[in-house]
Amino acid sequence: RTVQAYRQPGSAFKPFVYLAALQKGFSPGSFFEDKPIIFNTIEGPYSPQNYTLKFLGSIPMSKALERSVNVIAVKINDLVGPENVVLAAQKAGITSPLQPILSLPLGANEVSMLELSSAYMTLANNGIKVKPLAILRIEDRDGIPLYTHKIREKRMLDANHVAALVEMMQGVVNYGTGR
């Protein structure tokens, strides 16, 4: 299930939207309006809704992530460009094909639990990606190593952007929907 099952990540995808916003120069204190909006798309009008069906008015980006505000996440996705959100997610570790669509922040694309965990691991590792693996070492019956995995680290994300995002994500647990 961890490797082969693909599911919509829902709001667990939102951090990549906020990462893209930080990369584009927004700060955790940048204010956005949480109010009704209608996007005109090829498929027709699209009006994202918040889980609570209520609106919070003008709030900073950090509070929008804390409270998992769908409308602001979609607005930011539109503002920074869904392609940039896809790129941020891919740099973090998402390998599944992602469609750059307006509902991207709401987890509209499917990913595996392993790749989502891997992407979160890159965030926890200050923007340095390490490929997840299950076998670190193989030994023969006498304990002689036949294979030892060499860990390869690669900086994928700017440490300052990741630090700001991680602090915002801590707010989710301390004050927001993850409390």
N, C-alpha and C. Protein backbone atom coordinates (compact mmCIF):
# COMPACT_ATOMS: atom_id res chain seq x y z
N ARG A 1 0.82 -1.20 0.00
CA ARG A 1 0.00 0.00 0.00
C ARG A 1 0.86 1.26 0.00
N THR A 2 1.97 1.20 0.67
CA THR A 2 2.83 2.38 0.77
C THR A 2 3.46 2.72 -0.56
N VAL A 3 3.82 1.72 -1.32
CA VAL A 3 4.56 1.93 -2.56
C VAL A 3 3.66 1.93 -3.80
N GLN A 4 2.67 1.03 -3.82
CA GLN A 4 1.90 0.82 -5.04
C GLN A 4 0.54 1.50 -5.07
N ALA A 5 -0.03 1.79 -3.94
CA ALA A 5 -1.36 2.40 -3.90
C ALA A 5 -1.25 3.91 -4.09
N TYR A 6 -2.03 4.44 -4.98
CA TYR A 6 -2.05 5.88 -5.25
C TYR A 6 -3.37 6.46 -4.78
N ARG A 7 -3.25 7.50 -3.97
CA ARG A 7 -4.43 8.14 -3.39
C ARG A 7 -4.29 9.65 -3.48
N GLN A 8 -5.41 10.34 -3.43
CA GLN A 8 -5.37 11.80 -3.38
C GLN A 8 -4.90 12.21 -1.99
N PRO A 9 -3.88 13.06 -1.90
CA PRO A 9 -3.34 13.44 -0.60
C PRO A 9 -4.16 14.46 0.16
N GLY A 10 -5.16 15.04 -0.47
CA GLY A 10 -5.97 16.06 0.20
C GLY A 10 -5.11 17.23 0.64
N SER A 11 -5.40 17.76 1.82
CA SER A 11 -4.69 18.94 2.32
C SER A 11 -3.23 18.67 2.65
N ALA A 12 -2.82 17.41 2.68
CA ALA A 12 -1.40 17.10 2.91
C ALA A 12 -0.53 17.64 1.77
N PHE A 13 -1.17 18.03 0.66
CA PHE A 13 -0.43 18.59 -0.47
C PHE A 13 -0.21 20.10 -0.33
N LYS A 14 -0.95 20.75 0.53
CA LYS A 14 -0.89 22.21 0.65
C LYS A 14 0.50 22.77 0.94
N PRO A 15 1.34 22.10 1.75
CA PRO A 15 2.67 22.69 1.98
C PRO A 15 3.46 22.99 0.70
N PHE A 16 3.24 22.24 -0.35
CA PHE A 16 3.98 22.50 -1.59
C PHE A 16 3.49 23.77 -2.28
N VAL A 17 2.23 24.11 -2.07
CA VAL A 17 1.69 25.37 -2.58
C VAL A 17 2.36 26.54 -1.85
N TYR A 18 2.45 26.41 -0.54
CA TYR A 18 3.06 27.47 0.27
C TYR A 18 4.57 27.54 0.03
N LEU A 19 5.19 26.42 -0.24
CA LEU A 19 6.61 26.42 -0.60
C LEU A 19 6.82 27.20 -1.90
N ALA A 20 5.99 26.95 -2.89
CA ALA A 20 6.09 27.68 -4.16
C ALA A 20 5.89 29.18 -3.94
N ALA A 21 4.98 29.54 -3.04
CA ALA A 21 4.74 30.95 -2.73
C ALA A 21 5.99 31.57 -2.09
N LEU A 22 6.60 30.86 -1.16
CA LEU A 22 7.84 31.35 -0.54
C LEU A 22 8.94 31.51 -1.58
N GLN A 23 9.02 30.57 -2.50
CA GLN A 23 10.02 30.64 -3.57
C GLN A 23 9.79 31.84 -4.49
N LYS A 24 8.55 32.27 -4.60
CA LYS A 24 8.20 33.41 -5.46
C LYS A 24 8.26 34.75 -4.72
N GLY A 25 8.72 34.72 -3.46
CA GLY A 25 8.93 35.97 -2.74
C GLY A 25 7.89 36.34 -1.72
N PHE A 26 6.86 35.53 -1.56
CA PHE A 26 5.88 35.79 -0.51
C PHE A 26 6.48 35.39 0.83
N SER A 27 5.94 35.95 1.90
CA SER A 27 6.43 35.61 3.24
C SER A 27 5.28 35.02 4.04
N PRO A 28 5.58 34.37 5.17
CA PRO A 28 4.50 33.84 6.01
C PRO A 28 3.52 34.93 6.44
N GLY A 29 3.97 36.18 6.47
CA GLY A 29 3.11 37.29 6.87
C GLY A 29 2.35 37.95 5.73
N SER A 30 2.51 37.47 4.51
CA SER A 30 1.77 38.03 3.37
C SER A 30 0.28 37.76 3.57
N PHE A 31 -0.53 38.80 3.41
CA PHE A 31 -1.97 38.67 3.63
C PHE A 31 -2.72 38.30 2.36
N PHE A 32 -3.75 37.47 2.53
CA PHE A 32 -4.62 37.05 1.45
C PHE A 32 -6.06 37.11 1.94
N GLU A 33 -6.98 37.37 1.01
CA GLU A 33 -8.41 37.46 1.34
C GLU A 33 -9.06 36.10 1.21
N ASP A 34 -9.63 35.66 2.31
CA ASP A 34 -10.45 34.46 2.30
C ASP A 34 -11.90 34.90 2.13
N LYS A 35 -12.33 34.90 0.89
CA LYS A 35 -13.70 35.27 0.57
C LYS A 35 -14.11 34.51 -0.69
N PRO A 36 -15.38 34.44 -0.98
CA PRO A 36 -15.82 33.68 -2.16
C PRO A 36 -15.16 34.19 -3.44
N ILE A 37 -14.83 33.24 -4.31
CA ILE A 37 -14.23 33.57 -5.60
C ILE A 37 -14.70 32.54 -6.62
N ILE A 38 -14.82 33.00 -7.85
CA ILE A 38 -15.18 32.10 -8.95
C ILE A 38 -14.10 32.23 -10.02
N PHE A 39 -13.50 31.09 -10.38
CA PHE A 39 -12.52 31.05 -11.47
C PHE A 39 -13.24 30.57 -12.72
N ASN A 40 -12.99 31.25 -13.82
CA ASN A 40 -13.53 30.80 -15.10
C ASN A 40 -12.51 29.88 -15.75
N THR A 41 -12.87 28.61 -15.89
CA THR A 41 -11.96 27.62 -16.46
C THR A 41 -12.55 27.06 -17.75
N ILE A 42 -11.76 26.29 -18.44
CA ILE A 42 -12.22 25.65 -19.67
C ILE A 42 -13.40 24.73 -19.38
N GLU A 43 -13.36 24.08 -18.22
CA GLU A 43 -14.43 23.16 -17.83
C GLU A 43 -15.66 23.89 -17.30
N GLY A 44 -15.56 25.19 -17.10
CA GLY A 44 -16.67 25.97 -16.55
C GLY A 44 -16.25 26.66 -15.27
N PRO A 45 -17.18 27.31 -14.59
CA PRO A 45 -16.85 28.04 -13.36
C PRO A 45 -16.37 27.09 -12.26
N TYR A 46 -15.36 27.53 -11.51
CA TYR A 46 -14.83 26.75 -10.39
C TYR A 46 -14.78 27.66 -9.18
N SER A 47 -15.47 27.26 -8.11
CA SER A 47 -15.53 28.04 -6.90
C SER A 47 -15.14 27.17 -5.71
N PRO A 48 -13.88 27.26 -5.28
CA PRO A 48 -13.45 26.43 -4.14
C PRO A 48 -14.18 26.83 -2.87
N GLN A 49 -14.37 25.86 -2.01
CA GLN A 49 -15.04 26.09 -0.73
C GLN A 49 -14.14 25.65 0.41
N ASN A 50 -14.26 26.31 1.53
CA ASN A 50 -13.56 25.90 2.73
C ASN A 50 -14.34 24.76 3.40
N TYR A 51 -13.65 23.94 4.14
CA TYR A 51 -14.28 22.81 4.83
C TYR A 51 -15.42 23.28 5.74
N THR A 52 -15.19 24.41 6.41
CA THR A 52 -16.19 24.94 7.35
C THR A 52 -17.34 25.68 6.66
N LEU A 53 -17.19 25.92 5.37
CA LEU A 53 -18.15 26.70 4.58
C LEU A 53 -18.23 28.14 5.08
N LYS A 54 -17.21 28.60 5.84
CA LYS A 54 -17.13 29.97 6.33
C LYS A 54 -15.87 30.61 5.76
N PHE A 55 -15.82 31.94 5.83
CA PHE A 55 -14.67 32.69 5.33
C PHE A 55 -14.08 33.51 6.47
N LEU A 56 -12.76 33.65 6.45
CA LEU A 56 -12.05 34.31 7.56
C LEU A 56 -11.60 35.73 7.24
N GLY A 57 -11.86 36.22 6.04
CA GLY A 57 -11.43 37.57 5.68
C GLY A 57 -9.95 37.61 5.37
N SER A 58 -9.33 38.74 5.68
CA SER A 58 -7.91 38.94 5.38
C SER A 58 -7.04 38.31 6.48
N ILE A 59 -6.25 37.30 6.09
CA ILE A 59 -5.39 36.62 7.05
C ILE A 59 -4.01 36.39 6.43
N PRO A 60 -2.97 36.28 7.28
CA PRO A 60 -1.64 36.01 6.75
C PRO A 60 -1.52 34.57 6.22
N MET A 61 -0.57 34.39 5.33
CA MET A 61 -0.35 33.09 4.71
C MET A 61 -0.13 32.00 5.76
N SER A 62 0.58 32.32 6.83
CA SER A 62 0.85 31.32 7.87
C SER A 62 -0.45 30.84 8.51
N LYS A 63 -1.38 31.75 8.76
CA LYS A 63 -2.68 31.37 9.36
C LYS A 63 -3.52 30.56 8.37
N ALA A 64 -3.39 30.88 7.08
CA ALA A 64 -4.14 30.14 6.06
C ALA A 64 -3.71 28.68 6.04
N LEU A 65 -2.40 28.43 6.19
CA LEU A 65 -1.92 27.05 6.25
C LEU A 65 -2.35 26.40 7.57
N GLU A 66 -2.20 27.13 8.66
CA GLU A 66 -2.61 26.62 9.99
C GLU A 66 -4.04 26.12 9.98
N ARG A 67 -4.91 26.88 9.35
CA ARG A 67 -6.34 26.57 9.37
C ARG A 67 -6.78 25.79 8.13
N SER A 68 -5.82 25.46 7.27
CA SER A 68 -6.09 24.68 6.06
C SER A 68 -7.18 25.32 5.20
N VAL A 69 -7.03 26.61 4.94
CA VAL A 69 -8.03 27.37 4.20
C VAL A 69 -7.92 27.05 2.70
N ASN A 70 -8.91 26.34 2.19
CA ASN A 70 -8.90 25.91 0.79
C ASN A 70 -8.89 27.08 -0.19
N VAL A 71 -9.73 28.07 0.05
CA VAL A 71 -9.87 29.19 -0.88
C VAL A 71 -8.53 29.91 -1.07
N ILE A 72 -7.84 30.19 0.02
CA ILE A 72 -6.55 30.88 -0.08
C ILE A 72 -5.51 29.99 -0.75
N ALA A 73 -5.51 28.70 -0.46
CA ALA A 73 -4.56 27.79 -1.10
C ALA A 73 -4.76 27.79 -2.62
N VAL A 74 -6.00 27.77 -3.06
CA VAL A 74 -6.28 27.80 -4.50
C VAL A 74 -5.88 29.15 -5.10
N LYS A 75 -6.15 30.24 -4.38
CA LYS A 75 -5.75 31.57 -4.86
C LYS A 75 -4.24 31.66 -5.01
N ILE A 76 -3.51 31.15 -4.02
CA ILE A 76 -2.04 31.20 -4.09
C ILE A 76 -1.55 30.33 -5.24
N ASN A 77 -2.15 29.16 -5.42
CA ASN A 77 -1.81 28.29 -6.53
C ASN A 77 -1.97 29.02 -7.86
N ASP A 78 -3.08 29.73 -8.01
CA ASP A 78 -3.34 30.50 -9.23
C ASP A 78 -2.33 31.64 -9.39
N LEU A 79 -2.01 32.28 -8.28
CA LEU A 79 -1.10 33.44 -8.31
C LEU A 79 0.33 33.05 -8.66
N VAL A 80 0.84 31.99 -8.07
CA VAL A 80 2.24 31.60 -8.32
C VAL A 80 2.36 30.71 -9.55
N GLY A 81 1.24 30.15 -9.99
CA GLY A 81 1.23 29.29 -11.16
C GLY A 81 1.29 27.82 -10.75
N PRO A 82 0.29 27.04 -11.14
CA PRO A 82 0.27 25.63 -10.79
C PRO A 82 1.53 24.88 -11.25
N GLU A 83 2.13 25.32 -12.34
CA GLU A 83 3.36 24.67 -12.83
C GLU A 83 4.47 24.80 -11.79
N ASN A 84 4.53 25.95 -11.12
CA ASN A 84 5.55 26.17 -10.10
C ASN A 84 5.27 25.33 -8.84
N VAL A 85 4.01 25.10 -8.54
CA VAL A 85 3.66 24.24 -7.42
C VAL A 85 4.07 22.81 -7.73
N VAL A 86 3.79 22.37 -8.95
CA VAL A 86 4.21 21.03 -9.39
C VAL A 86 5.73 20.89 -9.27
N LEU A 87 6.46 21.89 -9.73
CA LEU A 87 7.92 21.86 -9.67
C LEU A 87 8.42 21.78 -8.22
N ALA A 88 7.83 22.56 -7.33
CA ALA A 88 8.22 22.52 -5.91
C ALA A 88 7.97 21.14 -5.33
N ALA A 89 6.83 20.54 -5.63
CA ALA A 89 6.51 19.21 -5.13
C ALA A 89 7.48 18.17 -5.68
N GLN A 90 7.82 18.29 -6.96
CA GLN A 90 8.75 17.35 -7.57
C GLN A 90 10.15 17.48 -6.98
N LYS A 91 10.59 18.70 -6.74
CA LYS A 91 11.90 18.89 -6.13
C LYS A 91 11.96 18.29 -4.73
N ALA A 92 10.83 18.34 -4.03
CA ALA A 92 10.78 17.79 -2.68
C ALA A 92 10.78 16.26 -2.70
N GLY A 93 10.20 15.66 -3.75
CA GLY A 93 10.22 14.20 -3.81
C GLY A 93 9.00 13.53 -4.41
N ILE A 94 8.02 14.30 -4.86
CA ILE A 94 6.85 13.71 -5.52
C ILE A 94 7.28 13.29 -6.92
N THR A 95 7.06 12.02 -7.26
CA THR A 95 7.48 11.51 -8.56
C THR A 95 6.31 11.21 -9.49
N SER A 96 5.12 11.11 -8.96
CA SER A 96 3.94 10.85 -9.79
C SER A 96 3.68 12.03 -10.71
N PRO A 97 3.10 11.77 -11.87
CA PRO A 97 2.75 12.89 -12.74
C PRO A 97 1.67 13.75 -12.08
N LEU A 98 1.90 15.04 -12.04
CA LEU A 98 0.96 15.98 -11.43
C LEU A 98 0.42 16.91 -12.50
N GLN A 99 -0.89 17.05 -12.53
CA GLN A 99 -1.51 17.98 -13.47
C GLN A 99 -1.53 19.37 -12.84
N PRO A 100 -1.02 20.39 -13.55
CA PRO A 100 -1.02 21.75 -12.99
C PRO A 100 -2.40 22.40 -13.11
N ILE A 101 -3.28 22.05 -12.20
CA ILE A 101 -4.67 22.51 -12.24
C ILE A 101 -4.98 23.34 -11.00
N LEU A 102 -6.08 24.07 -11.04
CA LEU A 102 -6.45 24.93 -9.92
C LEU A 102 -6.69 24.17 -8.63
N SER A 103 -7.24 22.97 -8.72
CA SER A 103 -7.54 22.20 -7.51
C SER A 103 -6.34 21.42 -6.99
N LEU A 104 -5.17 21.66 -7.55
CA LEU A 104 -3.94 21.00 -7.11
C LEU A 104 -3.71 21.10 -5.60
N PRO A 105 -3.91 22.27 -4.96
CA PRO A 105 -3.67 22.36 -3.51
C PRO A 105 -4.60 21.51 -2.66
N LEU A 106 -5.71 21.09 -3.23
CA LEU A 106 -6.68 20.31 -2.48
C LEU A 106 -6.42 18.82 -2.64
N GLY A 107 -5.28 18.49 -3.25
CA GLY A 107 -4.88 17.09 -3.39
C GLY A 107 -5.59 16.38 -4.51
N ALA A 108 -5.83 17.07 -5.62
CA ALA A 108 -6.59 16.50 -6.73
C ALA A 108 -5.83 15.40 -7.48
N ASN A 109 -4.51 15.42 -7.44
CA ASN A 109 -3.70 14.39 -8.10
C ASN A 109 -3.42 13.25 -7.13
N GLU A 110 -3.13 12.08 -7.68
CA GLU A 110 -2.84 10.93 -6.84
C GLU A 110 -1.34 10.72 -6.68
N VAL A 111 -0.93 10.36 -5.46
CA VAL A 111 0.47 10.07 -5.14
C VAL A 111 0.52 8.85 -4.23
N SER A 112 1.69 8.24 -4.12
CA SER A 112 1.84 7.12 -3.19
C SER A 112 2.24 7.67 -1.83
N MET A 113 1.98 6.89 -0.80
CA MET A 113 2.36 7.29 0.55
C MET A 113 3.88 7.42 0.66
N LEU A 114 4.61 6.56 -0.05
CA LEU A 114 6.07 6.61 0.00
C LEU A 114 6.59 7.93 -0.55
N GLU A 115 6.07 8.36 -1.69
CA GLU A 115 6.59 9.61 -2.25
C GLU A 115 6.16 10.83 -1.45
N LEU A 116 4.96 10.81 -0.88
CA LEU A 116 4.54 11.92 -0.03
C LEU A 116 5.42 11.98 1.22
N SER A 117 5.68 10.82 1.81
CA SER A 117 6.56 10.75 2.98
C SER A 117 7.98 11.20 2.62
N SER A 118 8.44 10.81 1.45
CA SER A 118 9.77 11.20 0.99
C SER A 118 9.85 12.71 0.81
N ALA A 119 8.81 13.31 0.27
CA ALA A 119 8.79 14.76 0.08
C ALA A 119 8.77 15.48 1.42
N TYR A 120 8.00 14.97 2.38
CA TYR A 120 7.99 15.55 3.72
C TYR A 120 9.35 15.36 4.39
N MET A 121 10.00 14.24 4.10
CA MET A 121 11.33 13.99 4.66
C MET A 121 12.32 15.05 4.16
N THR A 122 12.20 15.44 2.91
CA THR A 122 13.07 16.49 2.36
C THR A 122 12.84 17.80 3.11
N LEU A 123 11.59 18.09 3.44
CA LEU A 123 11.30 19.30 4.21
C LEU A 123 11.90 19.19 5.61
N ALA A 124 11.75 18.03 6.24
CA ALA A 124 12.30 17.83 7.59
C ALA A 124 13.82 17.85 7.59
N ASN A 125 14.42 17.56 6.43
CA ASN A 125 15.88 17.51 6.29
C ASN A 125 16.43 18.82 5.73
N ASN A 126 15.69 19.91 5.94
CA ASN A 126 16.15 21.25 5.56
C ASN A 126 16.39 21.41 4.06
N GLY A 127 15.61 20.71 3.25
CA GLY A 127 15.70 20.85 1.80
C GLY A 127 16.67 19.89 1.14
N ILE A 128 17.25 18.98 1.92
CA ILE A 128 18.18 17.99 1.37
C ILE A 128 17.42 16.69 1.18
N LYS A 129 17.45 16.19 -0.05
CA LYS A 129 16.71 14.98 -0.39
C LYS A 129 17.61 13.76 -0.23
N VAL A 130 17.04 12.73 0.39
CA VAL A 130 17.70 11.43 0.52
C VAL A 130 16.70 10.40 0.06
N LYS A 131 17.11 9.57 -0.87
CA LYS A 131 16.19 8.56 -1.40
C LYS A 131 15.83 7.55 -0.30
N PRO A 132 14.53 7.35 -0.06
CA PRO A 132 14.15 6.37 0.97
C PRO A 132 14.46 4.95 0.50
N LEU A 133 14.89 4.12 1.44
CA LEU A 133 15.19 2.74 1.09
C LEU A 133 14.93 1.84 2.28
N ALA A 134 14.82 0.55 2.01
CA ALA A 134 14.50 -0.40 3.07
C ALA A 134 15.73 -1.20 3.50
N ILE A 135 16.67 -1.42 2.61
CA ILE A 135 17.83 -2.26 2.93
C ILE A 135 19.08 -1.39 3.01
N LEU A 136 19.64 -1.31 4.20
CA LEU A 136 20.87 -0.54 4.40
C LEU A 136 22.11 -1.39 4.21
N ARG A 137 21.99 -2.69 4.56
CA ARG A 137 23.17 -3.53 4.54
C ARG A 137 22.77 -5.00 4.40
N ILE A 138 23.59 -5.74 3.68
CA ILE A 138 23.39 -7.18 3.54
C ILE A 138 24.67 -7.86 4.02
N GLU A 139 24.47 -8.86 4.89
CA GLU A 139 25.63 -9.60 5.42
C GLU A 139 25.45 -11.08 5.13
N ASP A 140 26.58 -11.79 5.05
CA ASP A 140 26.48 -13.24 4.94
C ASP A 140 26.26 -13.83 6.33
N ARG A 141 26.20 -15.14 6.43
CA ARG A 141 25.88 -15.77 7.72
C ARG A 141 26.94 -15.54 8.78
N ASP A 142 28.15 -15.14 8.36
CA ASP A 142 29.23 -14.88 9.31
C ASP A 142 29.30 -13.40 9.70
N GLY A 143 28.37 -12.62 9.21
CA GLY A 143 28.35 -11.19 9.55
C GLY A 143 29.25 -10.34 8.67
N ILE A 144 29.78 -10.92 7.61
CA ILE A 144 30.63 -10.15 6.69
C ILE A 144 29.73 -9.40 5.72
N PRO A 145 29.93 -8.07 5.64
CA PRO A 145 29.07 -7.29 4.75
C PRO A 145 29.29 -7.63 3.27
N LEU A 146 28.19 -7.91 2.62
CA LEU A 146 28.21 -8.15 1.17
C LEU A 146 27.83 -6.88 0.42
N TYR A 147 27.00 -6.06 1.09
CA TYR A 147 26.55 -4.81 0.48
C TYR A 147 26.26 -3.82 1.60
N THR A 148 26.73 -2.60 1.42
CA THR A 148 26.40 -1.51 2.33
C THR A 148 25.96 -0.33 1.48
N HIS A 149 24.78 0.15 1.76
CA HIS A 149 24.26 1.28 0.98
C HIS A 149 24.99 2.57 1.35
N LYS A 150 25.35 3.32 0.35
CA LYS A 150 25.96 4.62 0.58
C LYS A 150 24.87 5.68 0.40
N ILE A 151 24.64 6.43 1.46
CA ILE A 151 23.61 7.45 1.43
C ILE A 151 24.06 8.60 0.53
N ARG A 152 23.18 8.99 -0.36
CA ARG A 152 23.46 10.12 -1.26
C ARG A 152 22.48 11.24 -0.94
N GLU A 153 23.03 12.36 -0.55
CA GLU A 153 22.21 13.53 -0.24
C GLU A 153 22.32 14.53 -1.37
N LYS A 154 21.23 15.22 -1.63
CA LYS A 154 21.25 16.26 -2.66
C LYS A 154 20.36 17.42 -2.23
N ARG A 155 20.95 18.62 -2.22
CA ARG A 155 20.17 19.81 -1.88
C ARG A 155 19.20 20.07 -3.03
N MET A 156 17.90 20.07 -2.69
CA MET A 156 16.87 20.28 -3.69
C MET A 156 16.13 21.60 -3.49
N LEU A 157 16.09 22.08 -2.23
CA LEU A 157 15.31 23.26 -1.91
C LEU A 157 16.14 24.23 -1.09
N ASP A 158 15.89 25.52 -1.25
CA ASP A 158 16.57 26.55 -0.49
C ASP A 158 16.25 26.39 1.00
N ALA A 159 17.30 26.38 1.81
CA ALA A 159 17.14 26.16 3.25
C ALA A 159 16.28 27.24 3.91
N ASN A 160 16.36 28.48 3.45
CA ASN A 160 15.56 29.56 4.03
C ASN A 160 14.08 29.36 3.75
N HIS A 161 13.75 28.96 2.54
CA HIS A 161 12.35 28.71 2.19
C HIS A 161 11.80 27.55 3.01
N VAL A 162 12.60 26.50 3.13
CA VAL A 162 12.16 25.32 3.88
C VAL A 162 11.98 25.66 5.36
N ALA A 163 12.91 26.44 5.93
CA ALA A 163 12.80 26.81 7.34
C ALA A 163 11.51 27.59 7.60
N ALA A 164 11.19 28.52 6.71
CA ALA A 164 9.96 29.29 6.86
C ALA A 164 8.74 28.38 6.75
N LEU A 165 8.77 27.46 5.79
CA LEU A 165 7.64 26.54 5.60
C LEU A 165 7.47 25.62 6.81
N VAL A 166 8.57 25.07 7.30
CA VAL A 166 8.49 24.16 8.44
C VAL A 166 7.92 24.88 9.66
N GLU A 167 8.32 26.13 9.86
CA GLU A 167 7.76 26.90 10.97
C GLU A 167 6.25 27.09 10.79
N MET A 168 5.84 27.37 9.53
CA MET A 168 4.41 27.49 9.25
C MET A 168 3.69 26.17 9.53
N MET A 169 4.33 25.05 9.16
CA MET A 169 3.72 23.74 9.37
C MET A 169 3.64 23.41 10.86
N GLN A 170 4.58 23.89 11.66
CA GLN A 170 4.51 23.67 13.10
C GLN A 170 3.29 24.39 13.68
N GLY A 171 2.93 25.51 13.08
CA GLY A 171 1.73 26.23 13.50
C GLY A 171 0.47 25.40 13.31
N VAL A 172 0.46 24.53 12.29
CA VAL A 172 -0.69 23.65 12.06
C VAL A 172 -0.91 22.76 13.29
N VAL A 173 0.18 22.23 13.82
CA VAL A 173 0.09 21.32 14.97
C VAL A 173 -0.14 22.10 16.27
N ASN A 174 0.51 23.24 16.41
CA ASN A 174 0.41 23.99 17.66
C ASN A 174 -0.89 24.77 17.81
N TYR A 175 -1.40 25.31 16.70
CA TYR A 175 -2.55 26.22 16.80
C TYR A 175 -3.70 25.88 15.83
N GLY A 176 -3.45 25.09 14.83
CA GLY A 176 -4.42 24.92 13.75
C GLY A 176 -5.14 23.59 13.73
N THR A 177 -5.36 23.11 12.51
CA THR A 177 -6.18 21.91 12.30
C THR A 177 -5.53 20.62 12.83
N GLY A 178 -4.23 20.64 13.06
CA GLY A 178 -3.54 19.45 13.56
C GLY A 178 -3.42 19.40 15.07
N ARG A 179 -4.03 20.36 15.76
CA ARG A 179 -3.88 20.45 17.21
C ARG A 179 -4.55 19.34 17.94
